[in-house]
């Protein structure tokens, strides 16, 4: 589920609530997780964002079914700042 909130022309707050069902093959439990993003458009060409990912859990097991053999990987909580400049 995604929620977007605009505050005027220059600020935005986005939330992504994600559900993953239980994976019995790898014994990974079901879970809900949250990502969030606050963005400030400093000018027509510049945007600065603060992003947080996997905010509800310190770490979680995930797997990529595109890789063979599939191996669960532990994904941690993270945050970063993004600077975007368009020209």
PDB file of N, CA and C in Angstrom:
ATOM      1  N   UNK A   1       0.850  -1.134   0.000  1.00  0.00           N
ATOM      2  CA  UNK A   1       0.000   0.000   0.000  1.00  0.00           C
ATOM      3  C   UNK A   1       0.916   1.223   0.000  1.00  0.00           C
ATOM      4  N   UNK A   2       0.562   2.239  -0.777  1.00  0.00           N
ATOM      5  CA  UNK A   2       1.384   3.441  -0.875  1.00  0.00           C
ATOM      6  C   UNK A   2       0.550   4.658  -0.519  1.00  0.00           C
ATOM      7  N   UNK A   3       1.162   5.570   0.219  1.00  0.00           N
ATOM      8  CA  UNK A   3       0.500   6.809   0.611  1.00  0.00           C
ATOM      9  C   UNK A   3       1.427   7.971   0.277  1.00  0.00           C
ATOM     10  N   UNK A   4       0.907   8.958  -0.454  1.00  0.00           N
ATOM     11  CA  UNK A   4       1.700  10.120  -0.851  1.00  0.00           C
ATOM     12  C   UNK A   4       1.031  11.379  -0.331  1.00  0.00           C
ATOM     13  N   UNK A   5       1.842  12.245   0.265  1.00  0.00           N
ATOM     14  CA  UNK A   5       1.326  13.497   0.806  1.00  0.00           C
ATOM     15  C   UNK A   5       2.184  14.644   0.288  1.00  0.00           C
ATOM     16  N   UNK A   6       1.554  15.615  -0.359  1.00  0.00           N
ATOM     17  CA  UNK A   6       2.257  16.800  -0.837  1.00  0.00           C
ATOM     18  C   UNK A   6       1.977  17.958   0.099  1.00  0.00           C
ATOM     19  N   UNK A   7       3.021  18.682   0.449  1.00  0.00           N
ATOM     20  CA  UNK A   7       2.903  19.867   1.287  1.00  0.00           C
ATOM     21  C   UNK A   7       3.377  21.053   0.456  1.00  0.00           C
ATOM     22  N   UNK A   8       2.431  21.689  -0.197  1.00  0.00           N
ATOM     23  CA  UNK A   8       2.789  22.773  -1.108  1.00  0.00           C
ATOM     24  C   UNK A   8       3.456  22.207  -2.352  1.00  0.00           C
ATOM     25  N   UNK A   9       4.218  23.040  -3.021  1.00  0.00           N
ATOM     26  CA  UNK A   9       4.895  22.632  -4.257  1.00  0.00           C
ATOM     27  C   UNK A   9       6.280  22.040  -4.011  1.00  0.00           C
ATOM     28  N   UNK A  10       6.804  22.167  -2.785  1.00  0.00           N
ATOM     29  CA  UNK A  10       8.211  21.820  -2.580  1.00  0.00           C
ATOM     30  C   UNK A  10       8.471  20.639  -1.650  1.00  0.00           C
ATOM     31  N   UNK A  11       7.468  20.138  -0.938  1.00  0.00           N
ATOM     32  CA  UNK A  11       7.711  19.062   0.023  1.00  0.00           C
ATOM     33  C   UNK A  11       6.764  17.891  -0.215  1.00  0.00           C
ATOM     34  N   UNK A  12       7.301  16.692   0.030  1.00  0.00           N
ATOM     35  CA  UNK A  12       6.510  15.483  -0.186  1.00  0.00           C
ATOM     36  C   UNK A  12       6.894  14.441   0.859  1.00  0.00           C
ATOM     37  N   UNK A  13       5.898  13.708   1.334  1.00  0.00           N
ATOM     38  CA  UNK A  13       6.109  12.625   2.291  1.00  0.00           C
ATOM     39  C   UNK A  13       5.416  11.381   1.739  1.00  0.00           C
ATOM     40  N   UNK A  14       6.174  10.313   1.546  1.00  0.00           N
ATOM     41  CA  UNK A  14       5.659   9.074   0.967  1.00  0.00           C
ATOM     42  C   UNK A  14       5.876   7.922   1.943  1.00  0.00           C
ATOM     43  N   UNK A  15       4.906   7.015   1.989  1.00  0.00           N
ATOM     44  CA  UNK A  15       5.008   5.805   2.805  1.00  0.00           C
ATOM     45  C   UNK A  15       4.669   4.599   1.939  1.00  0.00           C
ATOM     46  N   UNK A  16       5.392   3.501   2.134  1.00  0.00           N
ATOM     47  CA  UNK A  16       5.111   2.232   1.475  1.00  0.00           C
ATOM     48  C   UNK A  16       4.974   1.179   2.557  1.00  0.00           C
ATOM     49  N   UNK A  17       3.794   0.628   2.706  1.00  0.00           N
ATOM     50  CA  UNK A  17       3.547  -0.457   3.653  1.00  0.00           C
ATOM     51  C   UNK A  17       3.511  -1.746   2.840  1.00  0.00           C
ATOM     52  N   UNK A  18       4.379  -2.704   3.194  1.00  0.00           N
ATOM     53  CA  UNK A  18       4.532  -3.912   2.384  1.00  0.00           C
ATOM     54  C   UNK A  18       4.251  -5.158   3.219  1.00  0.00           C
ATOM     55  N   UNK A  19       3.533  -6.094   2.624  1.00  0.00           N
ATOM     56  CA  UNK A  19       3.241  -7.376   3.267  1.00  0.00           C
ATOM     57  C   UNK A  19       3.929  -8.476   2.472  1.00  0.00           C
ATOM     58  N   UNK A  20       4.598  -9.365   3.176  1.00  0.00           N
ATOM     59  CA  UNK A  20       5.185 -10.549   2.546  1.00  0.00           C
ATOM     60  C   UNK A  20       4.642 -11.769   3.260  1.00  0.00           C
ATOM     61  N   UNK A  21       4.105 -12.699   2.490  1.00  0.00           N
ATOM     62  CA  UNK A  21       3.549 -13.915   3.088  1.00  0.00           C
ATOM     63  C   UNK A  21       4.673 -14.866   3.510  1.00  0.00           C
ATOM     64  N   UNK A  22       4.297 -15.826   4.310  1.00  0.00           N
ATOM     65  CA  UNK A  22       5.247 -16.819   4.831  1.00  0.00           C
ATOM     66  C   UNK A  22       5.828 -17.634   3.677  1.00  0.00           C
ATOM     67  N   UNK A  23       7.117 -17.900   3.754  1.00  0.00           N
ATOM     68  CA  UNK A  23       7.784 -18.760   2.788  1.00  0.00           C
ATOM     69  C   UNK A  23       8.170 -20.041   3.516  1.00  0.00           C
ATOM     70  N   UNK A  24       7.388 -21.081   3.303  1.00  0.00           N
ATOM     71  CA  UNK A  24       7.607 -22.334   4.028  1.00  0.00           C
ATOM     72  C   UNK A  24       8.882 -23.041   3.589  1.00  0.00           C
ATOM     73  N   UNK A  25       9.285 -22.880   2.342  1.00  0.00           N
ATOM     74  CA  UNK A  25      10.487 -23.561   1.849  1.00  0.00           C
ATOM     75  C   UNK A  25      11.737 -23.114   2.602  1.00  0.00           C
ATOM     76  N   UNK A  26      11.798 -21.834   2.966  1.00  0.00           N
ATOM     77  CA  UNK A  26      12.960 -21.298   3.678  1.00  0.00           C
ATOM     78  C   UNK A  26      12.649 -20.959   5.129  1.00  0.00           C
ATOM     79  N   UNK A  27      11.455 -21.321   5.591  1.00  0.00           N
ATOM     80  CA  UNK A  27      11.029 -21.038   6.962  1.00  0.00           C
ATOM     81  C   UNK A  27      11.130 -19.541   7.299  1.00  0.00           C
ATOM     82  N   UNK A  28      10.673 -18.708   6.367  1.00  0.00           N
ATOM     83  CA  UNK A  28      10.654 -17.260   6.567  1.00  0.00           C
ATOM     84  C   UNK A  28       9.232 -16.870   6.956  1.00  0.00           C
ATOM     85  N   UNK A  29       9.032 -16.269   8.128  1.00  0.00           N
ATOM     86  CA  UNK A  29       7.674 -15.924   8.567  1.00  0.00           C
ATOM     87  C   UNK A  29       7.090 -14.758   7.772  1.00  0.00           C
ATOM     88  N   UNK A  30       5.758 -14.655   7.800  1.00  0.00           N
ATOM     89  CA  UNK A  30       5.120 -13.501   7.175  1.00  0.00           C
ATOM     90  C   UNK A  30       5.475 -12.247   7.967  1.00  0.00           C
ATOM     91  N   UNK A  31       5.417 -11.098   7.273  1.00  0.00           N
ATOM     92  CA  UNK A  31       5.718  -9.856   7.983  1.00  0.00           C
ATOM     93  C   UNK A  31       5.192  -8.656   7.211  1.00  0.00           C
ATOM     94  N   UNK A  32       5.076  -7.580   7.940  1.00  0.00           N
ATOM     95  CA  UNK A  32       4.709  -6.283   7.368  1.00  0.00           C
ATOM     96  C   UNK A  32       5.904  -5.368   7.582  1.00  0.00           C
ATOM     97  N   UNK A  33       6.226  -4.569   6.580  1.00  0.00           N
ATOM     98  CA  UNK A  33       7.336  -3.641   6.722  1.00  0.00           C
ATOM     99  C   UNK A  33       6.962  -2.285   6.148  1.00  0.00           C
ATOM    100  N   UNK A  34       7.749  -1.278   6.486  1.00  0.00           N
ATOM    101  CA  UNK A  34       7.438   0.097   6.115  1.00  0.00           C
ATOM    102  C   UNK A  34       8.683   0.792   5.589  1.00  0.00           C
ATOM    103  N   UNK A  35       8.527   1.466   4.447  1.00  0.00           N
ATOM    104  CA  UNK A  35       9.539   2.374   3.916  1.00  0.00           C
ATOM    105  C   UNK A  35       8.941   3.775   3.944  1.00  0.00           C
ATOM    106  N   UNK A  36       9.787   4.786   4.098  1.00  0.00           N
ATOM    107  CA  UNK A  36       9.309   6.169   4.126  1.00  0.00           C
ATOM    108  C   UNK A  36      10.303   7.064   3.400  1.00  0.00           C
ATOM    109  N   UNK A  37       9.785   8.161   2.841  1.00  0.00           N
ATOM    110  CA  UNK A  37      10.628   9.111   2.114  1.00  0.00           C
ATOM    111  C   UNK A  37      10.098  10.516   2.337  1.00  0.00           C
ATOM    112  N   UNK A  38      10.988  11.424   2.729  1.00  0.00           N
ATOM    113  CA  UNK A  38      10.665  12.847   2.797  1.00  0.00           C
ATOM    114  C   UNK A  38      11.519  13.537   1.741  1.00  0.00           C
ATOM    115  N   UNK A  39      10.889  14.294   0.857  1.00  0.00           N
ATOM    116  CA  UNK A  39      11.613  14.975  -0.216  1.00  0.00           C
ATOM    117  C   UNK A  39      11.324  16.468  -0.177  1.00  0.00           C
ATOM    118  N   UNK A  40      12.365  17.234  -0.414  1.00  0.00           N
ATOM    119  CA  UNK A  40      12.259  18.691  -0.502  1.00  0.00           C
ATOM    120  C   UNK A  40      12.836  19.124  -1.838  1.00  0.00           C
ATOM    121  N   UNK A  41      12.016  19.787  -2.641  1.00  0.00           N
ATOM    122  CA  UNK A  41      12.475  20.302  -3.926  1.00  0.00           C
ATOM    123  C   UNK A  41      13.037  21.699  -3.678  1.00  0.00           C
ATOM    124  N   UNK A  42      14.364  21.792  -3.646  1.00  0.00           N
ATOM    125  CA  UNK A  42      15.044  23.051  -3.355  1.00  0.00           C
ATOM    126  C   UNK A  42      14.940  24.037  -4.512  1.00  0.00           C
ATOM    127  N   UNK A  43      14.866  23.511  -5.733  1.00  0.00           N
ATOM    128  CA  UNK A  43      14.702  24.343  -6.930  1.00  0.00           C
ATOM    129  C   UNK A  43      14.082  23.470  -8.017  1.00  0.00           C
ATOM    130  N   UNK A  44      13.891  24.026  -9.194  1.00  0.00           N
ATOM    131  CA  UNK A  44      13.301  23.232 -10.283  1.00  0.00           C
ATOM    132  C   UNK A  44      14.183  22.056 -10.668  1.00  0.00           C
ATOM    133  N   UNK A  45      15.475  22.158 -10.423  1.00  0.00           N
ATOM    134  CA  UNK A  45      16.397  21.105 -10.846  1.00  0.00           C
ATOM    135  C   UNK A  45      16.987  20.288  -9.696  1.00  0.00           C
ATOM    136  N   UNK A  46      16.725  20.657  -8.454  1.00  0.00           N
ATOM    137  CA  UNK A  46      17.367  19.997  -7.317  1.00  0.00           C
ATOM    138  C   UNK A  46      16.342  19.478  -6.313  1.00  0.00           C
ATOM    139  N   UNK A  47      16.501  18.203  -5.931  1.00  0.00           N
ATOM    140  CA  UNK A  47      15.657  17.608  -4.903  1.00  0.00           C
ATOM    141  C   UNK A  47      16.538  16.854  -3.911  1.00  0.00           C
ATOM    142  N   UNK A  48      16.260  17.044  -2.627  1.00  0.00           N
ATOM    143  CA  UNK A  48      16.967  16.351  -1.555  1.00  0.00           C
ATOM    144  C   UNK A  48      15.954  15.469  -0.831  1.00  0.00           C
ATOM    145  N   UNK A  49      16.303  14.189  -0.656  1.00  0.00           N
ATOM    146  CA  UNK A  49      15.391  13.231  -0.020  1.00  0.00           C
ATOM    147  C   UNK A  49      16.077  12.528   1.141  1.00  0.00           C
ATOM    148  N   UNK A  50      15.299  12.231   2.162  1.00  0.00           N
ATOM    149  CA  UNK A  50      15.720  11.365   3.259  1.00  0.00           C
ATOM    150  C   UNK A  50      14.843  10.124   3.177  1.00  0.00           C
ATOM    151  N   UNK A  51      15.471   8.955   3.050  1.00  0.00           N
ATOM    152  CA  UNK A  51      14.748   7.702   2.836  1.00  0.00           C
ATOM    153  C   UNK A  51      15.093   6.720   3.951  1.00  0.00           C
ATOM    154  N   UNK A  52      14.073   6.057   4.485  1.00  0.00           N
ATOM    155  CA  UNK A  52      14.265   4.984   5.453  1.00  0.00           C
ATOM    156  C   UNK A  52      13.607   3.724   4.922  1.00  0.00           C
ATOM    157  N   UNK A  53      14.303   2.601   4.992  1.00  0.00           N
ATOM    158  CA  UNK A  53      13.777   1.336   4.483  1.00  0.00           C
ATOM    159  C   UNK A  53      13.775   0.278   5.580  1.00  0.00           C
ATOM    160  N   UNK A  54      12.784  -0.594   5.531  1.00  0.00           N
ATOM    161  CA  UNK A  54      12.628  -1.683   6.505  1.00  0.00           C
ATOM    162  C   UNK A  54      12.567  -1.131   7.930  1.00  0.00           C
ATOM    163  N   UNK A  55      11.724  -0.143   8.144  1.00  0.00           N
ATOM    164  CA  UNK A  55      11.685   0.590   9.405  1.00  0.00           C
ATOM    165  C   UNK A  55      11.057  -0.182  10.564  1.00  0.00           C
ATOM    166  N   UNK A  56      10.258  -1.187  10.292  1.00  0.00           N
ATOM    167  CA  UNK A  56       9.572  -1.901  11.372  1.00  0.00           C
ATOM    168  C   UNK A  56      10.373  -3.061  11.951  1.00  0.00           C
ATOM    169  N   UNK A  57      11.439  -3.464  11.265  1.00  0.00           N
ATOM    170  CA  UNK A  57      12.237  -4.606  11.723  1.00  0.00           C
ATOM    171  C   UNK A  57      13.722  -4.280  11.604  1.00  0.00           C
ATOM    172  N   UNK A  58      14.485  -4.671  12.593  1.00  0.00           N
ATOM    173  CA  UNK A  58      15.933  -4.434  12.569  1.00  0.00           C
ATOM    174  C   UNK A  58      16.590  -5.211  11.429  1.00  0.00           C
ATOM    175  N   UNK A  59      16.099  -6.393  11.163  1.00  0.00           N
ATOM    176  CA  UNK A  59      16.585  -7.207  10.047  1.00  0.00           C
ATOM    177  C   UNK A  59      15.504  -8.215   9.674  1.00  0.00           C
ATOM    178  N   UNK A  60      15.562  -8.706   8.447  1.00  0.00           N
ATOM    179  CA  UNK A  60      14.571  -9.675   7.976  1.00  0.00           C
ATOM    180  C   UNK A  60      15.201 -10.549   6.898  1.00  0.00           C
ATOM    181  N   UNK A  61      14.757 -11.798   6.823  1.00  0.00           N
ATOM    182  CA  UNK A  61      15.212 -12.701   5.771  1.00  0.00           C
ATOM    183  C   UNK A  61      14.365 -12.502   4.521  1.00  0.00           C
ATOM    184  N   UNK A  62      15.030 -12.437   3.376  1.00  0.00           N
ATOM    185  CA  UNK A  62      14.354 -12.379   2.084  1.00  0.00           C
ATOM    186  C   UNK A  62      15.094 -13.310   1.140  1.00  0.00           C
ATOM    187  N   UNK A  63      14.463 -13.603   0.025  1.00  0.00           N
ATOM    188  CA  UNK A  63      15.134 -14.426  -0.964  1.00  0.00           C
ATOM    189  C   UNK A  63      14.809 -13.890  -2.345  1.00  0.00           C
ATOM    190  N   UNK A  64      15.704 -14.189  -3.294  1.00  0.00           N
ATOM    191  CA  UNK A  64      15.532 -13.783  -4.679  1.00  0.00           C
ATOM    192  C   UNK A  64      15.337 -15.041  -5.505  1.00  0.00           C
ATOM    193  N   UNK A  65      14.159 -15.232  -6.027  1.00  0.00           N
ATOM    194  CA  UNK A  65      13.864 -16.460  -6.773  1.00  0.00           C
ATOM    195  C   UNK A  65      14.500 -16.451  -8.161  1.00  0.00           C
ATOM    196  N   UNK A  66      15.116 -15.314  -8.580  1.00  0.00           N
ATOM    197  CA  UNK A  66      15.777 -15.254  -9.884  1.00  0.00           C
ATOM    198  C   UNK A  66      17.152 -15.916  -9.856  1.00  0.00           C
ATOM    199  N   UNK A  67      17.699 -16.102  -8.671  1.00  0.00           N
ATOM    200  CA  UNK A  67      19.013 -16.720  -8.549  1.00  0.00           C
ATOM    201  C   UNK A  67      18.854 -18.215  -8.275  1.00  0.00           C
ATOM    202  N   UNK A  68      19.701 -19.001  -8.899  1.00  0.00           N
ATOM    203  CA  UNK A  68      19.680 -20.443  -8.650  1.00  0.00           C
ATOM    204  C   UNK A  68      21.024 -20.860  -8.120  1.00  0.00           C
ATOM    205  N   UNK A  69      21.158 -21.550  -7.055  1.00  0.00           N
ATOM    206  CA  UNK A  69      20.059 -21.875  -6.146  1.00  0.00           C
ATOM    207  C   UNK A  69      19.667 -20.660  -5.310  1.00  0.00           C
ATOM    208  N   UNK A  70      18.427 -20.623  -4.921  1.00  0.00           N
ATOM    209  CA  UNK A  70      17.922 -19.525  -4.093  1.00  0.00           C
ATOM    210  C   UNK A  70      18.421 -19.688  -2.667  1.00  0.00           C
ATOM    211  N   UNK A  71      18.965 -18.618  -2.132  1.00  0.00           N
ATOM    212  CA  UNK A  71      19.495 -18.621  -0.773  1.00  0.00           C
ATOM    213  C   UNK A  71      18.924 -17.410  -0.048  1.00  0.00           C
ATOM    214  N   UNK A  72      18.343 -17.586   1.128  1.00  0.00           N
ATOM    215  CA  UNK A  72      17.834 -16.431   1.876  1.00  0.00           C
ATOM    216  C   UNK A  72      18.972 -15.481   2.254  1.00  0.00           C
ATOM    217  N   UNK A  73      18.676 -14.194   2.217  1.00  0.00           N
ATOM    218  CA  UNK A  73      19.645 -13.151   2.549  1.00  0.00           C
ATOM    219  C   UNK A  73      19.037 -12.276   3.629  1.00  0.00           C
ATOM    220  N   UNK A  74      19.839 -11.890   4.612  1.00  0.00           N
ATOM    221  CA  UNK A  74      19.342 -11.018   5.672  1.00  0.00           C
ATOM    222  C   UNK A  74      19.467  -9.562   5.222  1.00  0.00           C
ATOM    223  N   UNK A  75      18.337  -8.864   5.218  1.00  0.00           N
ATOM    224  CA  UNK A  75      18.275  -7.460   4.826  1.00  0.00           C
ATOM    225  C   UNK A  75      18.069  -6.638   6.088  1.00  0.00           C
ATOM    226  N   UNK A  76      18.879  -5.617   6.271  1.00  0.00           N
ATOM    227  CA  UNK A  76      18.779  -4.797   7.475  1.00  0.00           C
ATOM    228  C   UNK A  76      18.023  -3.502   7.247  1.00  0.00           C
ATOM    229  N   UNK A  77      17.698  -2.857   8.333  1.00  0.00           N
ATOM    230  CA  UNK A  77      17.097  -1.523   8.302  1.00  0.00           C
ATOM    231  C   UNK A  77      18.148  -0.566   7.745  1.00  0.00           C
ATOM    232  N   UNK A  78      17.717   0.424   6.965  1.00  0.00           N
ATOM    233  CA  UNK A  78      18.682   1.365   6.402  1.00  0.00           C
ATOM    234  C   UNK A  78      18.053   2.741   6.213  1.00  0.00           C
ATOM    235  N   UNK A  79      18.928   3.726   6.111  1.00  0.00           N
ATOM    236  CA  UNK A  79      18.511   5.099   5.829  1.00  0.00           C
ATOM    237  C   UNK A  79      19.597   5.747   4.984  1.00  0.00           C
ATOM    238  N   UNK A  80      19.180   6.637   4.098  1.00  0.00           N
ATOM    239  CA  UNK A  80      20.158   7.351   3.280  1.00  0.00           C
ATOM    240  C   UNK A  80      19.587   8.692   2.842  1.00  0.00           C
ATOM    241  N   UNK A  81      20.486   9.559   2.419  1.00  0.00           N
ATOM    242  CA  UNK A  81      20.118  10.860   1.865  1.00  0.00           C
ATOM    243  C   UNK A  81      20.415  10.813   0.376  1.00  0.00           C
ATOM    244  N   UNK A  82      19.481  11.315  -0.413  1.00  0.00           N
ATOM    245  CA  UNK A  82      19.633  11.306  -1.866  1.00  0.00           C
ATOM    246  C   UNK A  82      19.585  12.744  -2.375  1.00  0.00           C
ATOM    247  N   UNK A  83      20.517  13.092  -3.228  1.00  0.00           N
ATOM    248  CA  UNK A  83      20.537  14.391  -3.885  1.00  0.00           C
ATOM    249  C   UNK A  83      20.344  14.153  -5.369  1.00  0.00           C
ATOM    250  N   UNK A  84      19.299  14.732  -5.924  1.00  0.00           N
ATOM    251  CA  UNK A  84      19.014  14.573  -7.349  1.00  0.00           C
ATOM    252  C   UNK A  84      19.109  15.936  -8.012  1.00  0.00           C
ATOM    253  N   UNK A  85      19.907  16.005  -9.077  1.00  0.00           N
ATOM    254  CA  UNK A  85      20.058  17.246  -9.835  1.00  0.00           C
ATOM    255  C   UNK A  85      19.730  16.951 -11.293  1.00  0.00           C
ATOM    256  N   UNK A  86      18.769  17.644 -11.839  1.00  0.00           N
ATOM    257  CA  UNK A  86      18.353  17.451 -13.240  1.00  0.00           C
ATOM    258  C   UNK A  86      18.869  18.613 -14.080  1.00  0.00           C
ATOM    259  N   UNK A  87      19.433  18.286 -15.232  1.00  0.00           N
ATOM    260  CA  UNK A  87      19.919  19.345 -16.137  1.00  0.00           C
ATOM    261  C   UNK A  87      19.565  19.024 -17.561  1.00  0.00           C
TER     262      UNK A  87
END
